[in-house]
Structure formats: structure tokens, C-alpha cells
Amino acid sequence: MNKFLLIDDEEVFNFIHTQVIQLIQPDARIKEIRSSSMALDYIRTSIDKTDEFPDAILVDINMPEMNGFELLEELQKLSTSFIKKPHIYMVTSSLFESDRKRAQSFSILSGFMEKPISADQVQTVINQINSR
């Protein structure tokens, strides 16, 4: 059973992405958080808890308060403390090549996906998680 953390301020995308993940892996544990700062707090408090720490983190770029890039910067600082390395994906509706290039500059980032995520993309994430 894999654990997913969805970080997106748009409830509709969290709902859609949850449905797609559950279609591919019905027993997946999915936590939805609509704020980057709340997600960062959650990650900090679960960083040493194997049963809570996510296997995959899907982060939206455009969010109020702290955008996805700012969240990635914070996660990169924390990454040496991770008990296991999560697969982190930037998930966005942005079609700007500059966003893709900026995302690639983060060593902790596993990939970049366009919204809404597809069943094939979820299967790829699950395969990557399970190949550890």
C-alpha cells in the first residue's frame, strides 16, 4: 500500500487525482492538503514516521501563500532528514517551458506532470515507488 500526499489549493483537482489514484491502487492511502504551509508542517511532523511519511508527493505550482517552487525549496532543505526518499512530482496546468526548466533544477524532483494526472502517470509513479 503506497502513501500519496496531494498538495493543491484547488479541491476539484485533489478530488480527481484521488479518484485516479484509487482506480489504479484501491488500497492507496491518500492525504489531500490545500495549503503549501500546512503540507510543509505535515511533512515536518511525519518526517520520522514510516507509517505516515508519503511515498509520493504531488505538488501544484500555482498556490497562494507559498507556491510549489517555494515549497520545493523548503523540501530540498529538509531532504537530508527524510527517513526515505519520496517521489516528488510537480503537477500543474502551466504550459510555460520556463516552469518546466525551473522544476528540473530541483534535485529532489522526480518529474513534471500536467493536470489532470492520468491513470498511466499514476501507474508510472507506483512502478517507481515499488522499484526501490
Protein backbone atom coordinates (compact mmCIF):
# COMPACT_ATOMS: atom_id res chain seq x y z
CA MET A 1 0.00 0.00 0.00
CA ASN A 2 1.53 3.27 -1.11
CA LYS A 3 1.01 6.64 0.55
CA PHE A 4 0.32 9.74 -1.55
CA LEU A 5 0.32 13.37 -0.48
CA LEU A 6 -1.61 15.69 -2.80
CA ILE A 7 -0.83 19.39 -2.37
CA ASP A 8 -3.16 21.60 -4.39
CA ASP A 9 -5.32 24.54 -3.37
CA GLU A 10 -7.99 23.51 -5.89
CA GLU A 11 -10.29 20.96 -4.30
CA VAL A 12 -11.52 19.68 -7.66
CA PHE A 13 -8.03 18.57 -8.70
CA ASN A 14 -7.43 16.85 -5.36
CA PHE A 15 -10.71 15.01 -5.88
CA ILE A 16 -9.91 14.00 -9.47
CA HIS A 17 -6.37 12.92 -8.61
CA THR A 18 -7.61 10.90 -5.63
CA GLN A 19 -10.10 9.12 -7.88
CA VAL A 20 -7.43 8.31 -10.48
CA ILE A 21 -5.00 7.00 -7.84
CA GLN A 22 -7.73 4.84 -6.27
CA LEU A 23 -8.64 3.48 -9.69
CA ILE A 24 -5.10 2.18 -10.12
CA GLN A 25 -4.40 1.32 -6.48
CA PRO A 26 -7.62 0.97 -4.44
CA ASP A 27 -5.76 0.49 -1.15
CA ALA A 28 -3.58 3.59 -1.54
CA ARG A 29 -3.50 5.94 1.43
CA ILE A 30 -4.09 9.46 0.16
CA LYS A 31 -3.82 12.68 2.12
CA GLU A 32 -5.03 15.89 0.50
CA ILE A 33 -3.74 19.24 1.71
CA ARG A 34 -4.85 22.54 0.17
CA SER A 35 -2.06 24.75 1.53
CA SER A 36 1.71 24.56 0.98
CA SER A 37 2.47 25.74 4.51
CA MET A 38 0.15 23.12 6.00
CA ALA A 39 1.75 20.48 3.78
CA LEU A 40 5.19 21.54 4.94
CA ASP A 41 4.04 21.27 8.58
CA TYR A 42 2.63 17.80 7.88
CA ILE A 43 5.87 16.65 6.24
CA ARG A 44 7.95 18.02 9.10
CA THR A 45 5.84 16.20 11.70
CA SER A 46 5.78 12.91 9.77
CA ILE A 47 9.42 13.01 8.64
CA ASP A 48 10.47 10.22 11.01
CA LYS A 49 7.22 8.22 10.99
CA THR A 50 7.43 5.43 8.43
CA ASP A 51 3.70 4.70 8.63
CA GLU A 52 2.75 8.32 7.80
CA PHE A 53 5.54 9.64 5.57
CA PRO A 54 4.39 9.73 1.92
CA ASP A 55 5.89 7.58 -0.82
CA ALA A 56 4.83 10.12 -3.43
CA ILE A 57 4.18 13.86 -3.16
CA LEU A 58 2.29 15.68 -5.93
CA VAL A 59 2.75 19.46 -5.73
CA ASP A 60 0.85 22.13 -7.67
CA ILE A 61 2.87 25.13 -8.89
CA ASN A 62 0.35 27.93 -8.52
CA MET A 63 -0.88 28.23 -4.97
CA PRO A 64 -1.44 31.25 -2.73
CA GLU A 65 0.78 31.94 0.25
CA MET A 66 3.66 29.66 -0.87
CA ASN A 67 3.86 28.42 -4.46
CA GLY A 68 5.06 24.99 -5.49
CA PHE A 69 8.59 26.17 -6.22
CA GLU A 70 8.91 27.75 -2.78
CA LEU A 71 7.64 24.51 -1.25
CA LEU A 72 10.22 22.52 -3.23
CA GLU A 73 12.95 24.82 -1.92
CA GLU A 74 11.85 24.03 1.64
CA LEU A 75 11.59 20.30 0.92
CA GLN A 76 15.05 20.30 -0.61
CA LYS A 77 16.41 21.78 2.65
CA LEU A 78 14.64 19.03 4.61
CA SER A 79 15.58 16.19 2.26
CA THR A 80 18.64 15.12 4.26
CA SER A 81 16.27 14.37 7.17
CA PHE A 82 13.89 12.16 5.16
CA ILE A 83 13.72 8.60 6.50
CA LYS A 84 13.02 7.52 2.95
CA LYS A 85 13.19 9.47 -0.26
CA PRO A 86 9.70 10.27 -1.54
CA HIS A 87 8.99 10.58 -5.24
CA ILE A 88 8.08 14.25 -5.69
CA TYR A 89 6.24 15.45 -8.79
CA MET A 90 5.31 18.95 -9.89
CA VAL A 91 1.70 18.79 -11.12
CA THR A 92 0.37 21.80 -12.97
CA SER A 93 -1.81 23.20 -15.69
CA SER A 94 1.01 25.58 -16.63
CA LEU A 95 2.28 25.15 -20.16
CA PHE A 96 5.23 27.52 -19.70
CA GLU A 97 8.55 25.99 -20.69
CA SER A 98 10.19 28.23 -18.07
CA ASP A 99 8.23 26.38 -15.35
CA ARG A 100 9.46 23.03 -16.64
CA LYS A 101 13.05 24.23 -16.73
CA ARG A 102 12.82 25.72 -13.26
CA ALA A 103 11.30 22.47 -11.95
CA GLN A 104 14.21 20.48 -13.41
CA SER A 105 16.63 22.50 -11.29
CA PHE A 106 15.41 20.71 -8.13
CA SER A 107 17.40 17.54 -7.46
CA ILE A 108 14.60 16.14 -5.27
CA LEU A 109 12.03 16.34 -8.09
CA SER A 110 11.14 13.05 -9.77
CA GLY A 111 9.09 14.52 -12.60
CA PHE A 112 6.65 17.01 -14.01
CA MET A 113 3.00 16.20 -14.86
CA GLU A 114 0.21 18.16 -16.45
CA LYS A 115 -3.20 18.39 -14.77
CA PRO A 116 -5.25 16.37 -14.53
CA ILE A 117 -2.99 13.39 -13.99
CA SER A 118 -3.77 10.25 -15.96
CA ALA A 119 -4.01 6.61 -14.95
CA ASP A 120 -0.81 5.95 -16.94
CA GLN A 121 1.04 8.62 -14.96
CA VAL A 122 -0.18 7.15 -11.67
CA GLN A 123 0.94 3.69 -12.77
CA THR A 124 4.39 5.08 -13.60
CA VAL A 125 4.62 6.67 -10.13
CA ILE A 126 3.56 3.40 -8.47
CA ASN A 127 6.11 1.46 -10.53
CA GLN A 128 8.84 3.88 -9.44
CA ILE A 129 7.81 3.59 -5.78
CA ASN A 130 7.74 -0.20 -5.94
CA SER A 131 11.10 -0.47 -7.71
CA ARG A 132 13.03 0.69 -4.62
